[in-house]
Amino acid sequence: WNAGSRNLTTEQLIPFLSHSNKPYIEFTKPLDLQEQQLPIDPYLLGVWLGDGSSKGATITCHKDDLNVYKEFIKVGNVWSDSRNDNVVYFTAPCGQTALKQMNLYGNKHIPTSYLLGSFEQRLNLLRGLMDTDGSTSKQGSCEFYQKNEELIDQVRTLLSTLGIKSRKRYRLINGIRYWTVSFNTSLVVFNLPRKKSLQQCKNHKKNSR
């Protein structure tokens, strides 16, 4: 069915449901918003939301990722995990004061102001989230994992502001729901080279409908 763009009521859509090529609505384009003055760098916030202490400005990472983070984050004190040589901790420049002022201390979430930043600010926030709790599937799609469903839904909103359609699912592990958001995009959503190299920046037409 290829009748171009048309305005149809729900009743008028019914006859087309049997067609293999069904009508569709184009997914939203990225929001064009002005750059915001944000108290915490968006990429840093994304990394903290993923691997930071909920009640402090301490972030955990693999020792091999530390030098990459230093390219994007002003890293403070660094120390090793006495139980695991591959794990290091570092203090983030935002400090606990900024976390408390933004109601993030003990309450991980994406503040509304960060969902209303510029395209680059929102993309950098996503990269921080994906560098920590994101990955790519064997099929090349991007995935973000979290137990926090509220944060999962906020990440989906973030993706929508970037013009990216996403899907949400969960699986039960020991009675606990672990959520996954999956999506495809032509945008590079990682800064860490080991993750960036696995992303297939392809976007089938169905992912924009």
N, C-alpha and C. Protein backbone atom coordinates (compact mmCIF):
# COMPACT_ATOMS: atom_id res chain seq x y z
N TRP A 1 0.86 -1.19 0.00
CA TRP A 1 0.00 0.00 0.00
C TRP A 1 0.89 1.22 0.00
N ASN A 2 0.75 2.05 -1.00
CA ASN A 2 1.59 3.24 -1.10
C ASN A 2 0.74 4.38 -1.61
N ALA A 3 0.04 5.00 -0.68
CA ALA A 3 -0.86 6.08 -1.06
C ALA A 3 -0.34 7.43 -0.61
N GLY A 4 0.93 7.48 -0.17
CA GLY A 4 1.48 8.74 0.29
C GLY A 4 0.93 9.13 1.64
N SER A 5 1.12 10.39 2.01
CA SER A 5 0.68 10.87 3.31
C SER A 5 -0.79 11.24 3.26
N ARG A 6 -1.56 10.69 4.20
CA ARG A 6 -3.00 10.96 4.24
C ARG A 6 -3.47 11.09 5.68
N ASN A 7 -4.56 11.80 5.88
CA ASN A 7 -5.22 11.87 7.17
C ASN A 7 -6.36 10.87 7.18
N LEU A 8 -6.29 9.88 8.09
CA LEU A 8 -7.31 8.85 8.15
C LEU A 8 -7.85 8.73 9.57
N THR A 9 -9.13 8.46 9.67
CA THR A 9 -9.72 8.17 10.98
C THR A 9 -9.39 6.72 11.32
N THR A 10 -9.63 6.35 12.58
CA THR A 10 -9.40 4.96 12.98
C THR A 10 -10.25 4.01 12.14
N GLU A 11 -11.49 4.38 11.90
CA GLU A 11 -12.39 3.54 11.10
C GLU A 11 -11.85 3.37 9.68
N GLN A 12 -11.30 4.43 9.12
CA GLN A 12 -10.75 4.35 7.76
C GLN A 12 -9.49 3.52 7.68
N LEU A 13 -8.80 3.35 8.83
CA LEU A 13 -7.58 2.54 8.85
C LEU A 13 -7.87 1.05 8.81
N ILE A 14 -9.05 0.64 9.31
CA ILE A 14 -9.36 -0.78 9.47
C ILE A 14 -9.17 -1.60 8.19
N PRO A 15 -9.63 -1.15 7.03
CA PRO A 15 -9.46 -1.97 5.82
C PRO A 15 -8.00 -2.25 5.46
N PHE A 16 -7.10 -1.39 5.93
CA PHE A 16 -5.69 -1.56 5.56
C PHE A 16 -4.94 -2.52 6.49
N LEU A 17 -5.58 -2.97 7.56
CA LEU A 17 -4.90 -3.83 8.52
C LEU A 17 -4.53 -5.18 7.93
N SER A 18 -5.23 -5.59 6.88
CA SER A 18 -4.92 -6.87 6.24
C SER A 18 -3.79 -6.76 5.23
N HIS A 19 -3.36 -5.56 4.91
CA HIS A 19 -2.28 -5.36 3.94
C HIS A 19 -0.93 -5.72 4.58
N SER A 20 -0.04 -6.26 3.79
CA SER A 20 1.30 -6.56 4.30
C SER A 20 2.10 -5.28 4.53
N ASN A 21 1.84 -4.27 3.71
CA ASN A 21 2.51 -2.99 3.86
C ASN A 21 1.52 -2.01 4.49
N LYS A 22 1.48 -2.03 5.83
CA LYS A 22 0.46 -1.28 6.55
C LYS A 22 0.81 0.21 6.65
N PRO A 23 -0.20 1.05 6.89
CA PRO A 23 0.08 2.48 7.11
C PRO A 23 0.98 2.66 8.34
N TYR A 24 1.72 3.72 8.36
CA TYR A 24 2.60 3.99 9.50
C TYR A 24 2.68 5.49 9.74
N ILE A 25 3.14 5.84 10.93
CA ILE A 25 3.38 7.24 11.31
C ILE A 25 4.86 7.41 11.51
N GLU A 26 5.43 8.45 10.93
CA GLU A 26 6.86 8.71 11.10
C GLU A 26 7.15 9.04 12.55
N PHE A 27 8.23 8.46 13.10
CA PHE A 27 8.62 8.74 14.48
C PHE A 27 9.10 10.19 14.59
N THR A 28 9.00 10.74 15.79
CA THR A 28 9.36 12.14 16.01
C THR A 28 10.81 12.44 15.62
N LYS A 29 11.05 13.61 15.11
CA LYS A 29 12.41 14.07 14.82
C LYS A 29 13.04 14.56 16.12
N PRO A 30 14.38 14.66 16.18
CA PRO A 30 15.02 15.16 17.41
C PRO A 30 14.52 16.55 17.77
N LEU A 31 14.33 16.78 19.04
CA LEU A 31 13.92 18.11 19.50
C LEU A 31 15.05 19.10 19.29
N ASP A 32 14.72 20.25 18.75
CA ASP A 32 15.70 21.30 18.51
C ASP A 32 15.58 22.31 19.64
N LEU A 33 16.42 22.14 20.68
CA LEU A 33 16.34 22.98 21.87
C LEU A 33 17.66 23.71 22.10
N GLN A 34 17.60 24.80 22.82
CA GLN A 34 18.79 25.60 23.09
C GLN A 34 19.65 24.95 24.17
N GLU A 35 20.93 25.26 24.13
CA GLU A 35 21.85 24.75 25.14
C GLU A 35 21.50 25.34 26.50
N GLN A 36 21.55 24.51 27.53
CA GLN A 36 21.20 24.92 28.88
C GLN A 36 22.45 25.06 29.76
N GLN A 37 22.35 25.92 30.76
CA GLN A 37 23.39 26.02 31.77
C GLN A 37 23.09 24.96 32.83
N LEU A 38 23.80 23.85 32.76
CA LEU A 38 23.52 22.72 33.64
C LEU A 38 24.60 22.60 34.71
N PRO A 39 24.22 22.39 35.97
CA PRO A 39 25.18 22.37 37.07
C PRO A 39 26.17 21.21 37.03
N ILE A 40 25.79 20.11 36.41
CA ILE A 40 26.67 18.95 36.27
C ILE A 40 26.79 18.63 34.79
N ASP A 41 28.00 18.42 34.32
CA ASP A 41 28.21 18.08 32.91
C ASP A 41 27.33 16.88 32.54
N PRO A 42 26.63 16.94 31.40
CA PRO A 42 25.71 15.85 31.03
C PRO A 42 26.38 14.47 30.94
N TYR A 43 27.56 14.41 30.35
CA TYR A 43 28.24 13.11 30.25
C TYR A 43 28.58 12.59 31.64
N LEU A 44 29.08 13.45 32.50
CA LEU A 44 29.41 13.07 33.86
C LEU A 44 28.16 12.58 34.59
N LEU A 45 27.05 13.27 34.42
CA LEU A 45 25.81 12.84 35.07
C LEU A 45 25.42 11.45 34.61
N GLY A 46 25.54 11.19 33.31
CA GLY A 46 25.21 9.87 32.78
C GLY A 46 26.07 8.78 33.38
N VAL A 47 27.38 9.05 33.49
CA VAL A 47 28.31 8.07 34.09
C VAL A 47 27.96 7.86 35.56
N TRP A 48 27.67 8.94 36.27
CA TRP A 48 27.33 8.81 37.69
C TRP A 48 26.03 8.03 37.88
N LEU A 49 25.03 8.30 37.04
CA LEU A 49 23.77 7.57 37.14
C LEU A 49 23.99 6.08 36.94
N GLY A 50 24.93 5.74 36.07
CA GLY A 50 25.19 4.33 35.80
C GLY A 50 26.05 3.66 36.85
N ASP A 51 27.20 4.26 37.18
CA ASP A 51 28.18 3.60 38.04
C ASP A 51 28.60 4.41 39.25
N GLY A 52 27.85 5.44 39.59
CA GLY A 52 28.21 6.26 40.74
C GLY A 52 27.51 5.80 42.01
N SER A 53 28.08 6.18 43.13
CA SER A 53 27.45 5.91 44.42
C SER A 53 26.22 6.80 44.56
N SER A 54 25.09 6.22 44.94
CA SER A 54 23.85 7.00 45.04
C SER A 54 23.93 8.07 46.12
N LYS A 55 24.84 7.89 47.09
CA LYS A 55 24.97 8.86 48.17
C LYS A 55 26.39 9.41 48.25
N GLY A 56 26.91 9.77 47.09
CA GLY A 56 28.24 10.37 47.05
C GLY A 56 28.69 10.60 45.63
N ALA A 57 29.79 11.32 45.47
CA ALA A 57 30.31 11.64 44.15
C ALA A 57 31.42 10.67 43.74
N THR A 58 31.32 9.43 44.19
CA THR A 58 32.30 8.40 43.84
C THR A 58 31.78 7.55 42.70
N ILE A 59 32.64 7.29 41.72
CA ILE A 59 32.27 6.50 40.55
C ILE A 59 33.20 5.29 40.44
N THR A 60 32.64 4.15 40.12
CA THR A 60 33.40 2.91 39.96
C THR A 60 33.59 2.63 38.47
N CYS A 61 34.77 2.15 38.10
CA CYS A 61 34.99 1.77 36.70
C CYS A 61 36.11 0.73 36.59
N HIS A 62 36.24 0.14 35.42
CA HIS A 62 37.35 -0.77 35.15
C HIS A 62 38.61 0.07 34.96
N LYS A 63 39.71 -0.43 35.42
CA LYS A 63 40.95 0.35 35.37
C LYS A 63 41.33 0.76 33.95
N ASP A 64 40.97 -0.07 32.96
CA ASP A 64 41.32 0.24 31.57
C ASP A 64 40.46 1.36 31.00
N ASP A 65 39.32 1.63 31.63
CA ASP A 65 38.44 2.70 31.14
C ASP A 65 38.79 4.06 31.73
N LEU A 66 39.60 4.07 32.78
CA LEU A 66 39.86 5.32 33.50
C LEU A 66 40.47 6.38 32.59
N ASN A 67 41.46 6.02 31.78
CA ASN A 67 42.11 7.01 30.92
C ASN A 67 41.15 7.59 29.88
N VAL A 68 40.18 6.77 29.45
CA VAL A 68 39.18 7.29 28.50
C VAL A 68 38.28 8.29 29.21
N TYR A 69 37.85 7.96 30.42
CA TYR A 69 37.01 8.89 31.18
C TYR A 69 37.73 10.21 31.40
N LYS A 70 39.04 10.16 31.60
CA LYS A 70 39.80 11.39 31.84
C LYS A 70 39.75 12.35 30.65
N GLU A 71 39.44 11.83 29.46
CA GLU A 71 39.32 12.69 28.27
C GLU A 71 38.04 13.51 28.32
N PHE A 72 37.05 13.03 29.08
CA PHE A 72 35.74 13.68 29.10
C PHE A 72 35.33 14.20 30.47
N ILE A 73 35.99 13.70 31.52
CA ILE A 73 35.63 14.05 32.88
C ILE A 73 36.87 14.52 33.63
N LYS A 74 36.71 15.53 34.45
CA LYS A 74 37.79 15.96 35.33
C LYS A 74 37.80 15.02 36.53
N VAL A 75 38.70 14.05 36.49
CA VAL A 75 38.76 13.01 37.53
C VAL A 75 39.51 13.52 38.75
N GLY A 76 38.96 13.28 39.93
CA GLY A 76 39.61 13.68 41.17
C GLY A 76 40.50 12.58 41.70
N ASN A 77 40.39 12.27 42.96
CA ASN A 77 41.20 11.22 43.58
C ASN A 77 40.84 9.86 42.99
N VAL A 78 41.87 9.02 42.84
CA VAL A 78 41.69 7.67 42.30
C VAL A 78 42.27 6.66 43.27
N TRP A 79 41.54 5.58 43.53
CA TRP A 79 42.09 4.52 44.37
C TRP A 79 41.57 3.17 43.89
N SER A 80 42.30 2.10 44.22
CA SER A 80 41.98 0.76 43.75
C SER A 80 41.09 0.02 44.73
N ASP A 81 40.43 -1.00 44.20
CA ASP A 81 39.63 -1.89 45.04
C ASP A 81 40.56 -2.98 45.57
N SER A 82 40.66 -3.09 46.87
CA SER A 82 41.57 -4.07 47.47
C SER A 82 41.16 -5.51 47.17
N ARG A 83 39.90 -5.69 46.74
CA ARG A 83 39.43 -7.05 46.46
C ARG A 83 39.52 -7.41 44.99
N ASN A 84 39.70 -6.41 44.12
CA ASN A 84 39.72 -6.66 42.68
C ASN A 84 40.67 -5.68 42.02
N ASP A 85 41.77 -6.16 41.49
CA ASP A 85 42.78 -5.29 40.89
C ASP A 85 42.29 -4.57 39.63
N ASN A 86 41.22 -5.08 39.03
CA ASN A 86 40.72 -4.48 37.80
C ASN A 86 39.75 -3.32 38.03
N VAL A 87 39.38 -3.12 39.29
CA VAL A 87 38.38 -2.09 39.62
C VAL A 87 39.04 -0.91 40.31
N VAL A 88 38.69 0.29 39.87
CA VAL A 88 39.16 1.50 40.53
C VAL A 88 37.98 2.41 40.82
N TYR A 89 38.19 3.35 41.75
CA TYR A 89 37.19 4.34 42.11
C TYR A 89 37.78 5.72 41.88
N PHE A 90 36.94 6.67 41.53
CA PHE A 90 37.42 8.06 41.44
C PHE A 90 36.31 9.01 41.87
N THR A 91 36.72 10.15 42.36
CA THR A 91 35.75 11.16 42.77
C THR A 91 35.41 12.07 41.59
N ALA A 92 34.15 12.38 41.45
CA ALA A 92 33.69 13.25 40.37
C ALA A 92 33.73 14.71 40.83
N PRO A 93 33.96 15.64 39.91
CA PRO A 93 34.08 17.05 40.29
C PRO A 93 32.77 17.69 40.73
N CYS A 94 31.65 17.03 40.51
CA CYS A 94 30.37 17.66 40.88
C CYS A 94 30.21 17.78 42.39
N GLY A 95 30.72 16.80 43.14
CA GLY A 95 30.64 16.85 44.60
C GLY A 95 29.23 16.56 45.11
N GLN A 96 29.14 16.27 46.41
CA GLN A 96 27.85 15.93 47.00
C GLN A 96 26.92 17.13 47.05
N THR A 97 27.48 18.34 47.15
CA THR A 97 26.64 19.53 47.25
C THR A 97 25.73 19.67 46.05
N ALA A 98 26.30 19.53 44.84
CA ALA A 98 25.50 19.64 43.61
C ALA A 98 24.46 18.53 43.54
N LEU A 99 24.84 17.33 43.96
CA LEU A 99 23.90 16.22 43.95
C LEU A 99 22.71 16.50 44.86
N LYS A 100 22.99 17.06 46.02
CA LYS A 100 21.91 17.37 46.97
C LYS A 100 21.04 18.52 46.46
N GLN A 101 21.66 19.51 45.88
CA GLN A 101 20.91 20.66 45.37
C GLN A 101 19.94 20.26 44.26
N MET A 102 20.32 19.21 43.51
CA MET A 102 19.48 18.76 42.39
C MET A 102 18.60 17.58 42.78
N ASN A 103 18.54 17.29 44.08
CA ASN A 103 17.72 16.18 44.58
C ASN A 103 18.14 14.84 43.96
N LEU A 104 19.43 14.70 43.71
CA LEU A 104 19.97 13.45 43.16
C LEU A 104 20.57 12.56 44.25
N TYR A 105 20.92 13.16 45.35
CA TYR A 105 21.55 12.43 46.45
C TYR A 105 20.58 11.38 46.99
N GLY A 106 20.93 10.11 46.83
CA GLY A 106 20.05 9.03 47.26
C GLY A 106 18.80 8.90 46.41
N ASN A 107 18.78 9.55 45.25
CA ASN A 107 17.57 9.58 44.40
C ASN A 107 17.99 9.69 42.93
N LYS A 108 18.57 8.63 42.41
CA LYS A 108 19.06 8.67 41.03
C LYS A 108 17.91 8.82 40.04
N HIS A 109 18.02 9.83 39.21
CA HIS A 109 17.03 10.06 38.16
C HIS A 109 17.61 11.10 37.19
N ILE A 110 16.95 11.28 36.07
CA ILE A 110 17.36 12.31 35.11
C ILE A 110 16.52 13.56 35.35
N PRO A 111 17.11 14.64 35.82
CA PRO A 111 16.34 15.88 36.03
C PRO A 111 15.73 16.38 34.73
N THR A 112 14.57 16.98 34.83
CA THR A 112 13.87 17.47 33.64
C THR A 112 14.72 18.43 32.82
N SER A 113 15.53 19.25 33.49
CA SER A 113 16.36 20.23 32.77
C SER A 113 17.32 19.54 31.80
N TYR A 114 17.74 18.30 32.11
CA TYR A 114 18.67 17.59 31.23
C TYR A 114 17.95 16.98 30.03
N LEU A 115 16.66 16.79 30.15
CA LEU A 115 15.87 16.31 29.01
C LEU A 115 15.50 17.46 28.08
N LEU A 116 15.77 18.69 28.53
CA LEU A 116 15.45 19.89 27.74
C LEU A 116 16.69 20.62 27.29
N GLY A 117 17.85 19.96 27.38
CA GLY A 117 19.09 20.56 26.92
C GLY A 117 19.20 20.51 25.40
N SER A 118 20.32 20.99 24.89
CA SER A 118 20.54 20.96 23.45
C SER A 118 20.73 19.53 22.97
N PHE A 119 20.73 19.33 21.67
CA PHE A 119 20.92 17.99 21.10
C PHE A 119 22.22 17.39 21.60
N GLU A 120 23.32 18.15 21.56
CA GLU A 120 24.61 17.64 22.00
C GLU A 120 24.61 17.32 23.49
N GLN A 121 23.99 18.15 24.29
CA GLN A 121 23.92 17.89 25.73
C GLN A 121 23.16 16.60 26.01
N ARG A 122 22.07 16.39 25.30
CA ARG A 122 21.28 15.18 25.51
C ARG A 122 22.02 13.94 24.99
N LEU A 123 22.72 14.09 23.87
CA LEU A 123 23.48 12.97 23.33
C LEU A 123 24.64 12.60 24.25
N ASN A 124 25.29 13.59 24.83
CA ASN A 124 26.39 13.31 25.77
C ASN A 124 25.87 12.65 27.04
N LEU A 125 24.69 13.04 27.50
CA LEU A 125 24.08 12.36 28.64
C LEU A 125 23.84 10.90 28.31
N LEU A 126 23.31 10.63 27.13
CA LEU A 126 23.07 9.25 26.71
C LEU A 126 24.38 8.47 26.63
N ARG A 127 25.43 9.09 26.13
CA ARG A 127 26.72 8.39 26.04
C ARG A 127 27.26 8.02 27.42
N GLY A 128 27.07 8.90 28.40
CA GLY A 128 27.49 8.55 29.75
C GLY A 128 26.72 7.37 30.29
N LEU A 129 25.42 7.34 30.03
CA LEU A 129 24.59 6.22 30.47
C LEU A 129 24.99 4.93 29.78
N MET A 130 25.24 5.01 28.48
CA MET A 130 25.57 3.82 27.71
C MET A 130 26.98 3.31 28.00
N ASP A 131 27.92 4.21 28.30
CA ASP A 131 29.28 3.77 28.63
C ASP A 131 29.30 2.97 29.92
N THR A 132 28.30 3.16 30.77
CA THR A 132 28.27 2.46 32.05
C THR A 132 27.32 1.27 32.02
N ASP A 133 26.05 1.50 31.73
CA ASP A 133 25.05 0.43 31.79
C ASP A 133 24.53 0.01 30.42
N GLY A 134 25.24 0.38 29.38
CA GLY A 134 24.81 0.04 28.03
C GLY A 134 25.71 -0.99 27.37
N SER A 135 25.21 -1.58 26.30
CA SER A 135 25.98 -2.57 25.54
C SER A 135 25.35 -2.71 24.16
N THR A 136 25.90 -3.60 23.36
CA THR A 136 25.30 -3.94 22.07
C THR A 136 24.98 -5.42 22.05
N SER A 137 23.88 -5.78 21.41
CA SER A 137 23.49 -7.17 21.30
C SER A 137 24.27 -7.84 20.17
N LYS A 138 24.13 -9.15 20.03
CA LYS A 138 24.79 -9.87 18.94
C LYS A 138 24.29 -9.40 17.59
N GLN A 139 23.07 -8.89 17.56
CA GLN A 139 22.49 -8.38 16.31
C GLN A 139 22.93 -6.95 16.02
N GLY A 140 23.64 -6.32 16.95
CA GLY A 140 24.16 -4.98 16.73
C GLY A 140 23.29 -3.86 17.26
N SER A 141 22.15 -4.20 17.86
CA SER A 141 21.31 -3.14 18.43
C SER A 141 21.87 -2.70 19.78
N CYS A 142 21.51 -1.52 20.21
CA CYS A 142 21.99 -0.98 21.48
C CYS A 142 21.03 -1.36 22.59
N GLU A 143 21.57 -1.60 23.80
CA GLU A 143 20.74 -1.98 24.93
C GLU A 143 21.21 -1.27 26.18
N PHE A 144 20.25 -0.89 27.01
CA PHE A 144 20.55 -0.25 28.29
C PHE A 144 19.83 -1.03 29.38
N TYR A 145 20.56 -1.37 30.46
CA TYR A 145 20.01 -2.21 31.52
C TYR A 145 19.91 -1.44 32.83
N GLN A 146 18.86 -1.72 33.58
CA GLN A 146 18.70 -1.12 34.91
C GLN A 146 17.63 -1.86 35.69
N LYS A 147 17.77 -1.91 37.01
CA LYS A 147 16.69 -2.40 37.87
C LYS A 147 15.67 -1.30 38.14
N ASN A 148 16.11 -0.05 38.03
CA ASN A 148 15.29 1.11 38.34
C ASN A 148 14.37 1.42 37.15
N GLU A 149 13.09 1.04 37.27
CA GLU A 149 12.17 1.24 36.14
C GLU A 149 11.94 2.73 35.86
N GLU A 150 11.95 3.56 36.90
CA GLU A 150 11.77 4.99 36.68
C GLU A 150 12.89 5.55 35.80
N LEU A 151 14.12 5.14 36.08
CA LEU A 151 15.24 5.60 35.26
C LEU A 151 15.14 5.03 33.85
N ILE A 152 14.69 3.79 33.73
CA ILE A 152 14.49 3.17 32.41
C ILE A 152 13.53 4.01 31.58
N ASP A 153 12.41 4.41 32.19
CA ASP A 153 11.42 5.20 31.46
C ASP A 153 11.97 6.59 31.10
N GLN A 154 12.80 7.15 31.96
CA GLN A 154 13.40 8.44 31.66
C GLN A 154 14.41 8.33 30.52
N VAL A 155 15.13 7.21 30.45
CA VAL A 155 16.05 6.98 29.34
C VAL A 155 15.27 6.86 28.03
N ARG A 156 14.12 6.24 28.09
CA ARG A 156 13.28 6.15 26.89
C ARG A 156 12.82 7.54 26.44
N THR A 157 12.48 8.39 27.42
CA THR A 157 12.11 9.76 27.08
C THR A 157 13.29 10.48 26.45
N LEU A 158 14.48 10.30 27.03
CA LEU A 158 15.70 10.90 26.47
C LEU A 158 15.90 10.45 25.03
N LEU A 159 15.75 9.16 24.79
CA LEU A 159 15.91 8.64 23.43
C LEU A 159 14.90 9.27 22.48
N SER A 160 13.67 9.42 22.93
CA SER A 160 12.64 10.02 22.08
C SER A 160 12.99 11.45 21.72
N THR A 161 13.58 12.20 22.67
CA THR A 161 13.96 13.59 22.37
C THR A 161 15.05 13.64 21.32
N LEU A 162 15.78 12.53 21.16
CA LEU A 162 16.85 12.44 20.16
C LEU A 162 16.35 11.82 18.85
N GLY A 163 15.04 11.56 18.80
CA GLY A 163 14.47 10.97 17.58
C GLY A 163 14.72 9.49 17.46
N ILE A 164 14.92 8.80 18.59
CA ILE A 164 15.23 7.37 18.57
C ILE A 164 14.07 6.58 19.16
N LYS A 165 13.55 5.64 18.40
CA LYS A 165 12.48 4.77 18.89
C LYS A 165 13.09 3.64 19.72
N SER A 166 12.46 3.32 20.83
CA SER A 166 13.01 2.29 21.72
C SER A 166 11.95 1.26 22.10
N ARG A 167 12.42 0.14 22.62
CA ARG A 167 11.55 -0.93 23.09
C ARG A 167 11.97 -1.28 24.52
N LYS A 168 11.00 -1.66 25.34
CA LYS A 168 11.24 -1.93 26.75
C LYS A 168 10.77 -3.35 27.09
N ARG A 169 11.60 -4.06 27.83
CA ARG A 169 11.21 -5.40 28.27
C ARG A 169 11.91 -5.69 29.61
N TYR A 170 11.55 -6.79 30.23
CA TYR A 170 12.20 -7.16 31.48
C TYR A 170 12.30 -8.67 31.59
N ARG A 171 13.17 -9.12 32.47
CA ARG A 171 13.23 -10.54 32.81
C ARG A 171 13.37 -10.65 34.33
N LEU A 172 12.82 -11.72 34.87
CA LEU A 172 12.85 -11.95 36.31
C LEU A 172 14.07 -12.76 36.69
N ILE A 173 14.84 -12.25 37.64
CA ILE A 173 15.99 -12.97 38.18
C ILE A 173 15.82 -12.96 39.70
N ASN A 174 15.62 -14.14 40.25
CA ASN A 174 15.38 -14.28 41.70
C ASN A 174 14.24 -13.38 42.17
N GLY A 175 13.22 -13.30 41.33
CA GLY A 175 12.04 -12.52 41.70
C GLY A 175 12.15 -11.03 41.48
N ILE A 176 13.30 -10.57 40.97
CA ILE A 176 13.52 -9.14 40.75
C ILE A 176 13.47 -8.84 39.25
N ARG A 177 12.77 -7.77 38.88
CA ARG A 177 12.68 -7.38 37.47
C ARG A 177 13.91 -6.58 37.06
N TYR A 178 14.58 -7.06 36.03
CA TYR A 178 15.70 -6.35 35.43
C TYR A 178 15.24 -5.85 34.06
N TRP A 179 15.28 -4.54 33.88
CA TRP A 179 14.71 -3.91 32.70
C TRP A 179 15.77 -3.68 31.62
N THR A 180 15.32 -3.77 30.37
CA THR A 180 16.19 -3.50 29.22
C THR A 180 15.47 -2.58 28.25
N VAL A 181 16.17 -1.55 27.81
CA VAL A 181 15.69 -0.71 26.71
C VAL A 181 16.59 -1.00 25.51
N SER A 182 15.99 -1.35 24.39
CA SER A 182 16.77 -1.65 23.18
C SER A 182 16.38 -0.68 22.08
N PHE A 183 17.36 -0.34 21.24
CA PHE A 183 17.10 0.62 20.16
C PHE A 183 18.19 0.51 19.09
N ASN A 184 17.90 1.04 17.93
CA ASN A 184 18.86 1.15 16.83
C ASN A 184 18.96 2.61 16.42
N THR A 185 20.15 3.03 16.09
CA THR A 185 20.33 4.42 15.68
C THR A 185 21.61 4.56 14.86
N SER A 186 21.64 5.57 14.01
CA SER A 186 22.85 5.89 13.26
C SER A 186 23.78 6.80 14.06
N LEU A 187 23.31 7.25 15.24
CA LEU A 187 24.14 8.08 16.11
C LEU A 187 25.11 7.21 16.90
N VAL A 188 26.33 7.69 17.11
CA VAL A 188 27.28 6.99 17.96
C VAL A 188 26.91 7.29 19.41
N VAL A 189 26.58 6.25 20.18
CA VAL A 189 26.07 6.47 21.53
C VAL A 189 27.05 6.01 22.61
N PHE A 190 28.31 5.77 22.24
CA PHE A 190 29.34 5.39 23.20
C PHE A 190 30.56 6.29 23.03
N ASN A 191 31.28 6.51 24.13
CA ASN A 191 32.61 7.12 24.08
C ASN A 191 33.70 6.08 24.29
N LEU A 192 33.42 5.05 25.09
CA LEU A 192 34.42 4.01 25.34
C LEU A 192 34.69 3.23 24.07
N PRO A 193 35.95 3.20 23.60
CA PRO A 193 36.26 2.52 22.35
C PRO A 193 35.84 1.06 22.31
N ARG A 194 35.97 0.34 23.42
CA ARG A 194 35.63 -1.09 23.43
C ARG A 194 34.14 -1.32 23.18
N LYS A 195 33.31 -0.33 23.52
CA LYS A 195 31.89 -0.44 23.25
C LYS A 195 31.54 0.17 21.90
N LYS A 196 32.18 1.29 21.60
CA LYS A 196 31.92 1.97 20.33
C LYS A 196 32.21 1.08 19.13
N SER A 197 33.26 0.26 19.24
CA SER A 197 33.66 -0.59 18.12
C SER A 197 32.63 -1.67 17.80
N LEU A 198 31.77 -1.98 18.75
CA LEU A 198 30.77 -3.03 18.55
C LEU A 198 29.43 -2.50 18.04
N GLN A 199 29.23 -1.20 18.14
CA GLN A 199 27.96 -0.64 17.70
C GLN A 199 27.86 -0.62 16.18
N GLN A 200 26.76 -1.12 15.68
CA GLN A 200 26.48 -1.05 14.24
C GLN A 200 25.54 0.12 14.01
N CYS A 201 26.10 1.20 13.48
CA CYS A 201 25.31 2.43 13.31
C CYS A 201 24.43 2.33 12.07
N LYS A 202 23.47 1.42 12.15
CA LYS A 202 22.51 1.23 11.08
C LYS A 202 21.12 1.50 11.62
N ASN A 203 20.27 1.99 10.76
CA ASN A 203 18.92 2.32 11.20
C ASN A 203 17.93 1.96 10.10
N HIS A 204 17.34 0.78 10.22
CA HIS A 204 16.33 0.33 9.23
C HIS A 204 15.14 1.29 9.25
N LYS A 205 14.48 1.41 8.11
CA LYS A 205 13.35 2.34 8.01
C LYS A 205 12.29 2.09 9.06
N LYS A 206 12.09 0.81 9.43
CA LYS A 206 11.04 0.50 10.41
C LYS A 206 11.35 1.13 11.77
N ASN A 207 12.64 1.42 12.03
CA ASN A 207 12.99 2.01 13.32
C ASN A 207 12.66 3.50 13.39
N SER A 208 12.25 4.07 12.28
CA SER A 208 11.85 5.48 12.29
C SER A 208 10.34 5.61 12.05
N ARG A 209 9.64 4.48 12.24
CA ARG A 209 8.17 4.49 12.03
C ARG A 209 7.47 3.97 13.27
